[in-house]
């Protein structure tokens, strides 16, 4: 099951898709500044937070 989320990166809303790959692996996928970013986390919120940090790193 995929879910759509909006996160703020440098005060700009970004659309992400998050899905559960396995019991303890969540994946967040989205495009930021023309680049696809995909990160994993142990929870849905951790995956979202990791994606936000990865996008900030690219855009910083």
N, C-alpha and C. Protein backbone atom coordinates (compact mmCIF):
# COMPACT_ATOMS: atom_id res chain seq x y z
N UNK A 1 0.84 -1.19 0.00
CA UNK A 1 0.00 0.00 0.00
C UNK A 1 0.89 1.25 0.00
N UNK A 2 0.67 2.10 -0.96
CA UNK A 2 1.43 3.34 -1.06
C UNK A 2 0.63 4.49 -0.48
N UNK A 3 1.34 5.42 0.14
CA UNK A 3 0.70 6.62 0.68
C UNK A 3 1.42 7.84 0.13
N UNK A 4 0.66 8.87 -0.10
CA UNK A 4 1.23 10.14 -0.56
C UNK A 4 1.41 11.06 0.65
N UNK A 5 2.54 11.74 0.70
CA UNK A 5 2.83 12.68 1.78
C UNK A 5 3.41 13.95 1.18
N UNK A 6 3.25 15.04 1.88
CA UNK A 6 3.89 16.30 1.52
C UNK A 6 4.80 16.68 2.66
N UNK A 7 6.07 16.93 2.35
CA UNK A 7 7.03 17.37 3.36
C UNK A 7 7.60 18.71 2.92
N UNK A 8 8.06 19.48 3.88
CA UNK A 8 8.65 20.79 3.61
C UNK A 8 10.17 20.66 3.54
N UNK A 9 10.74 21.14 2.42
CA UNK A 9 12.19 21.20 2.27
C UNK A 9 12.52 22.64 1.94
N UNK A 10 13.24 23.31 2.84
CA UNK A 10 13.55 24.74 2.68
C UNK A 10 12.27 25.54 2.41
N UNK A 11 11.23 25.25 3.17
CA UNK A 11 9.93 25.94 3.08
C UNK A 11 9.21 25.73 1.76
N UNK A 12 9.57 24.69 1.02
CA UNK A 12 8.89 24.35 -0.23
C UNK A 12 8.24 22.98 -0.07
N UNK A 13 6.95 22.85 -0.38
CA UNK A 13 6.30 21.54 -0.26
C UNK A 13 6.78 20.57 -1.34
N UNK A 14 7.05 19.35 -0.93
CA UNK A 14 7.51 18.30 -1.84
C UNK A 14 6.60 17.09 -1.68
N UNK A 15 6.18 16.51 -2.80
CA UNK A 15 5.30 15.33 -2.79
C UNK A 15 6.14 14.06 -2.77
N UNK A 16 5.80 13.16 -1.85
CA UNK A 16 6.51 11.90 -1.73
C UNK A 16 5.53 10.74 -1.76
N UNK A 17 6.04 9.59 -2.12
CA UNK A 17 5.30 8.34 -2.00
C UNK A 17 6.04 7.48 -0.99
N UNK A 18 5.30 6.92 -0.04
CA UNK A 18 5.90 6.07 0.98
C UNK A 18 5.18 4.73 0.95
N UNK A 19 5.97 3.65 1.02
CA UNK A 19 5.36 2.32 1.08
C UNK A 19 6.18 1.42 1.98
N UNK A 20 5.54 0.38 2.48
CA UNK A 20 6.19 -0.58 3.35
C UNK A 20 6.71 -1.73 2.51
N UNK A 21 8.04 -1.89 2.47
CA UNK A 21 8.66 -2.92 1.66
C UNK A 21 8.65 -4.28 2.38
N UNK A 22 8.87 -4.23 3.70
CA UNK A 22 8.81 -5.44 4.52
C UNK A 22 8.37 -5.03 5.92
N UNK A 23 8.38 -5.97 6.82
CA UNK A 23 7.87 -5.69 8.16
C UNK A 23 8.57 -4.50 8.83
N UNK A 24 9.87 -4.38 8.60
CA UNK A 24 10.62 -3.31 9.27
C UNK A 24 11.34 -2.38 8.29
N UNK A 25 10.89 -2.35 7.04
CA UNK A 25 11.52 -1.45 6.06
C UNK A 25 10.44 -0.64 5.34
N UNK A 26 10.55 0.68 5.48
CA UNK A 26 9.69 1.61 4.77
C UNK A 26 10.55 2.36 3.76
N UNK A 27 9.97 2.68 2.60
CA UNK A 27 10.69 3.37 1.54
C UNK A 27 9.95 4.66 1.19
N UNK A 28 10.70 5.76 1.14
CA UNK A 28 10.15 7.06 0.72
C UNK A 28 10.82 7.43 -0.60
N UNK A 29 10.01 7.80 -1.59
CA UNK A 29 10.51 8.13 -2.92
C UNK A 29 9.90 9.45 -3.37
N UNK A 30 10.75 10.30 -3.92
CA UNK A 30 10.27 11.56 -4.47
C UNK A 30 11.35 12.19 -5.32
N UNK A 31 10.98 13.26 -6.01
CA UNK A 31 11.93 13.98 -6.86
C UNK A 31 12.17 15.35 -6.26
N UNK A 32 13.44 15.73 -6.18
CA UNK A 32 13.81 17.04 -5.67
C UNK A 32 14.87 17.63 -6.58
N UNK A 33 14.64 18.82 -7.08
CA UNK A 33 15.55 19.51 -8.00
C UNK A 33 15.91 18.62 -9.19
N UNK A 34 14.92 17.89 -9.69
CA UNK A 34 15.11 17.07 -10.87
C UNK A 34 15.76 15.72 -10.63
N UNK A 35 16.09 15.42 -9.37
CA UNK A 35 16.72 14.15 -9.06
C UNK A 35 15.80 13.28 -8.22
N UNK A 36 15.75 12.01 -8.57
CA UNK A 36 14.93 11.06 -7.80
C UNK A 36 15.70 10.69 -6.53
N UNK A 37 15.04 10.78 -5.40
CA UNK A 37 15.63 10.41 -4.12
C UNK A 37 14.80 9.27 -3.54
N UNK A 38 15.47 8.21 -3.15
CA UNK A 38 14.82 7.07 -2.52
C UNK A 38 15.58 6.71 -1.26
N UNK A 39 14.90 6.69 -0.13
CA UNK A 39 15.55 6.35 1.14
C UNK A 39 14.70 5.32 1.87
N UNK A 40 15.35 4.63 2.80
CA UNK A 40 14.67 3.61 3.60
C UNK A 40 14.74 3.98 5.07
N UNK A 41 13.76 3.49 5.82
CA UNK A 41 13.74 3.68 7.26
C UNK A 41 13.02 2.54 7.93
N UNK A 42 13.19 2.44 9.24
CA UNK A 42 12.55 1.36 9.98
C UNK A 42 11.06 1.64 10.23
N UNK A 43 10.68 2.93 10.14
CA UNK A 43 9.28 3.30 10.29
C UNK A 43 8.92 4.27 9.17
N UNK A 44 7.64 4.50 9.00
CA UNK A 44 7.19 5.44 7.97
C UNK A 44 7.73 6.84 8.24
N UNK A 45 7.62 7.28 9.48
CA UNK A 45 8.08 8.64 9.81
C UNK A 45 9.59 8.76 9.69
N UNK A 46 10.33 7.71 10.01
CA UNK A 46 11.78 7.75 9.85
C UNK A 46 12.17 7.86 8.38
N UNK A 47 11.46 7.13 7.52
CA UNK A 47 11.73 7.22 6.08
C UNK A 47 11.45 8.63 5.57
N UNK A 48 10.36 9.24 6.02
CA UNK A 48 10.03 10.61 5.60
C UNK A 48 11.11 11.59 6.06
N UNK A 49 11.53 11.46 7.31
CA UNK A 49 12.56 12.34 7.84
C UNK A 49 13.89 12.18 7.12
N UNK A 50 14.23 10.95 6.81
CA UNK A 50 15.48 10.68 6.08
C UNK A 50 15.43 11.27 4.67
N UNK A 51 14.26 11.19 4.04
CA UNK A 51 14.11 11.77 2.70
C UNK A 51 14.29 13.28 2.77
N UNK A 52 13.67 13.91 3.75
CA UNK A 52 13.78 15.37 3.91
C UNK A 52 15.25 15.77 4.09
N UNK A 53 15.97 15.04 4.94
CA UNK A 53 17.39 15.36 5.16
C UNK A 53 18.21 15.15 3.89
N UNK A 54 17.93 14.10 3.14
CA UNK A 54 18.66 13.85 1.89
C UNK A 54 18.41 14.98 0.90
N UNK A 55 17.18 15.46 0.83
CA UNK A 55 16.85 16.56 -0.09
C UNK A 55 17.52 17.84 0.36
N UNK A 56 17.54 18.11 1.65
CA UNK A 56 18.21 19.31 2.15
C UNK A 56 19.70 19.28 1.84
N UNK A 57 20.29 18.10 1.97
CA UNK A 57 21.72 17.94 1.68
C UNK A 57 22.00 18.26 0.20
N UNK A 58 21.15 17.76 -0.69
CA UNK A 58 21.31 18.02 -2.13
C UNK A 58 21.08 19.49 -2.46
N UNK A 59 20.11 20.10 -1.80
CA UNK A 59 19.75 21.47 -2.12
C UNK A 59 20.52 22.53 -1.34
N UNK A 60 21.31 22.11 -0.38
CA UNK A 60 22.02 23.04 0.48
C UNK A 60 23.28 23.49 -0.14
